[in-house]
N, C-alpha and C. Protein backbone atom coordinates (compact mmCIF):
# COMPACT_ATOMS: atom_id res chain seq x y z
N MET A 1 1.26 16.26 23.53
CA MET A 1 0.36 15.43 22.66
C MET A 1 1.02 14.03 22.24
N ASP A 2 2.32 14.01 22.19
CA ASP A 2 3.05 12.73 21.98
C ASP A 2 2.66 11.70 22.92
N VAL A 3 2.69 12.01 24.17
CA VAL A 3 2.32 11.09 25.11
C VAL A 3 1.11 10.36 25.00
N ILE A 4 0.07 11.19 24.70
CA ILE A 4 -1.25 10.67 24.26
C ILE A 4 -1.12 9.57 23.15
N ARG A 5 -0.37 10.05 22.13
CA ARG A 5 -0.44 9.12 21.00
C ARG A 5 0.36 7.84 21.28
N ILE A 6 1.52 8.06 22.07
CA ILE A 6 2.20 6.73 22.50
C ILE A 6 1.25 5.83 23.36
N LEU A 7 0.47 6.39 24.22
CA LEU A 7 -0.38 5.60 25.15
C LEU A 7 -1.31 4.79 24.05
N PHE A 8 -1.96 5.54 23.08
CA PHE A 8 -2.81 4.84 22.19
C PHE A 8 -2.10 3.99 21.32
N ALA A 9 -0.90 4.20 20.96
CA ALA A 9 -0.09 3.12 20.22
C ALA A 9 0.08 1.86 21.08
N ILE A 10 0.31 1.85 22.33
CA ILE A 10 0.47 0.83 23.18
C ILE A 10 -0.90 -0.02 23.29
N ILE A 11 -1.92 0.80 23.54
CA ILE A 11 -3.36 0.22 23.76
C ILE A 11 -4.06 -0.31 22.38
N LEU A 12 -4.02 0.57 21.42
CA LEU A 12 -4.49 0.27 20.07
C LEU A 12 -3.62 0.93 19.01
N PRO A 13 -2.72 0.12 18.59
CA PRO A 13 -1.69 0.71 17.59
C PRO A 13 -2.23 1.45 16.27
N PRO A 14 -3.18 1.07 15.65
CA PRO A 14 -3.67 1.86 14.59
C PRO A 14 -4.26 3.29 14.87
N VAL A 15 -4.80 3.48 16.10
CA VAL A 15 -5.29 4.77 16.57
C VAL A 15 -4.21 5.60 16.79
N GLY A 16 -3.19 5.31 17.39
CA GLY A 16 -1.94 6.07 17.45
C GLY A 16 -1.43 6.61 16.14
N VAL A 17 -1.39 5.66 15.27
CA VAL A 17 -0.89 6.02 13.98
C VAL A 17 -1.97 7.00 13.35
N PHE A 18 -3.18 6.78 13.33
CA PHE A 18 -4.24 7.62 12.87
C PHE A 18 -4.02 9.06 13.25
N LEU A 19 -3.86 9.22 14.75
CA LEU A 19 -3.73 10.45 15.28
C LEU A 19 -2.53 11.25 14.76
N GLN A 20 -1.48 10.57 14.19
CA GLN A 20 -0.33 11.10 13.78
C GLN A 20 -0.42 11.44 12.27
N VAL A 21 -0.75 10.42 11.53
CA VAL A 21 -0.61 10.63 9.92
C VAL A 21 -2.04 10.52 9.36
N GLY A 22 -3.05 10.14 9.93
CA GLY A 22 -4.42 10.11 9.26
C GLY A 22 -4.50 8.86 8.57
N LEU A 23 -5.41 8.81 7.47
CA LEU A 23 -5.73 7.57 6.82
C LEU A 23 -4.73 7.41 5.66
N GLY A 24 -3.49 7.42 5.89
CA GLY A 24 -2.58 7.19 4.95
C GLY A 24 -2.01 5.81 4.76
N LEU A 25 -0.83 5.48 4.12
CA LEU A 25 -0.24 4.33 3.98
C LEU A 25 0.27 3.60 5.28
N HIS A 26 0.60 4.56 6.15
CA HIS A 26 1.23 3.97 7.34
C HIS A 26 0.14 3.44 8.37
N PHE A 27 -1.11 4.12 8.13
CA PHE A 27 -2.40 3.47 8.85
C PHE A 27 -2.56 2.17 8.43
N TRP A 28 -2.77 1.90 7.21
CA TRP A 28 -3.22 0.64 6.68
C TRP A 28 -2.15 -0.42 6.96
N LEU A 29 -0.88 -0.08 6.84
CA LEU A 29 0.22 -0.98 7.06
C LEU A 29 0.11 -1.41 8.60
N ASN A 30 -0.20 -0.43 9.39
CA ASN A 30 -0.04 -0.66 10.88
C ASN A 30 -1.41 -1.67 11.25
N ILE A 31 -2.47 -1.45 10.50
CA ILE A 31 -3.57 -2.32 10.77
C ILE A 31 -3.11 -3.67 10.40
N LEU A 32 -2.49 -4.00 9.15
CA LEU A 32 -1.95 -5.33 8.78
C LEU A 32 -1.01 -5.73 9.65
N LEU A 33 -0.02 -5.00 10.19
CA LEU A 33 0.82 -5.50 11.32
C LEU A 33 0.29 -5.92 12.45
N THR A 34 -0.82 -5.18 12.91
CA THR A 34 -1.41 -5.45 14.19
C THR A 34 -2.17 -6.69 13.93
N LEU A 35 -2.75 -6.98 12.85
CA LEU A 35 -3.50 -8.20 12.66
C LEU A 35 -2.69 -9.33 12.54
N CYS A 36 -1.39 -9.16 11.94
CA CYS A 36 -0.50 -10.32 11.98
C CYS A 36 0.22 -10.64 13.43
N GLY A 37 0.18 -9.63 14.14
CA GLY A 37 0.87 -9.83 15.58
C GLY A 37 0.88 -8.43 16.24
N TYR A 38 0.34 -8.38 17.62
CA TYR A 38 0.20 -7.13 18.37
C TYR A 38 1.44 -6.44 18.51
N ILE A 39 2.57 -7.06 18.64
CA ILE A 39 3.77 -6.39 19.01
C ILE A 39 4.43 -5.66 17.68
N PRO A 40 4.33 -6.34 16.53
CA PRO A 40 4.91 -5.45 15.44
C PRO A 40 3.95 -4.27 15.16
N GLY A 41 2.74 -4.31 15.32
CA GLY A 41 1.89 -3.24 15.30
C GLY A 41 2.27 -1.98 16.30
N ILE A 42 2.72 -2.52 17.55
CA ILE A 42 3.07 -1.42 18.59
C ILE A 42 4.31 -0.82 18.21
N ILE A 43 5.28 -1.79 17.56
CA ILE A 43 6.72 -1.07 17.22
C ILE A 43 6.58 -0.30 16.03
N HIS A 44 5.62 -0.56 15.03
CA HIS A 44 5.52 0.29 14.09
C HIS A 44 4.87 1.68 14.46
N ALA A 45 3.95 1.64 15.22
CA ALA A 45 3.13 2.71 15.68
C ALA A 45 4.20 3.70 16.44
N ILE A 46 4.84 3.22 17.23
CA ILE A 46 5.74 4.03 18.09
C ILE A 46 6.87 4.77 17.09
N TRP A 47 7.27 3.77 16.13
CA TRP A 47 8.22 4.35 15.21
C TRP A 47 7.59 5.49 14.35
N VAL A 48 6.37 5.34 13.86
CA VAL A 48 5.72 6.49 13.13
C VAL A 48 5.58 7.61 14.16
N ILE A 49 5.16 7.48 15.26
CA ILE A 49 5.09 8.72 16.14
C ILE A 49 6.39 9.40 16.50
N LEU A 50 7.41 8.58 16.77
CA LEU A 50 8.74 9.29 17.21
C LEU A 50 9.38 9.68 16.02
N ARG A 51 9.04 9.37 14.86
CA ARG A 51 9.94 9.64 13.56
C ARG A 51 9.67 11.23 13.27
N LYS A 52 8.45 11.74 13.53
CA LYS A 52 8.11 13.12 13.26
C LYS A 52 8.50 14.10 14.26
């Protein structure tokens, strides 16, 4: 399942984070990071997915 989340994290970072943690703080932070720049959103999403 982590492979699917990582693929979503690369294509749409907030979706990958949502699949991992739901509508929590990390989800909203990832939306903000993705809006500021696509690469920070990807890095944060992969970090959240691999952290658990």
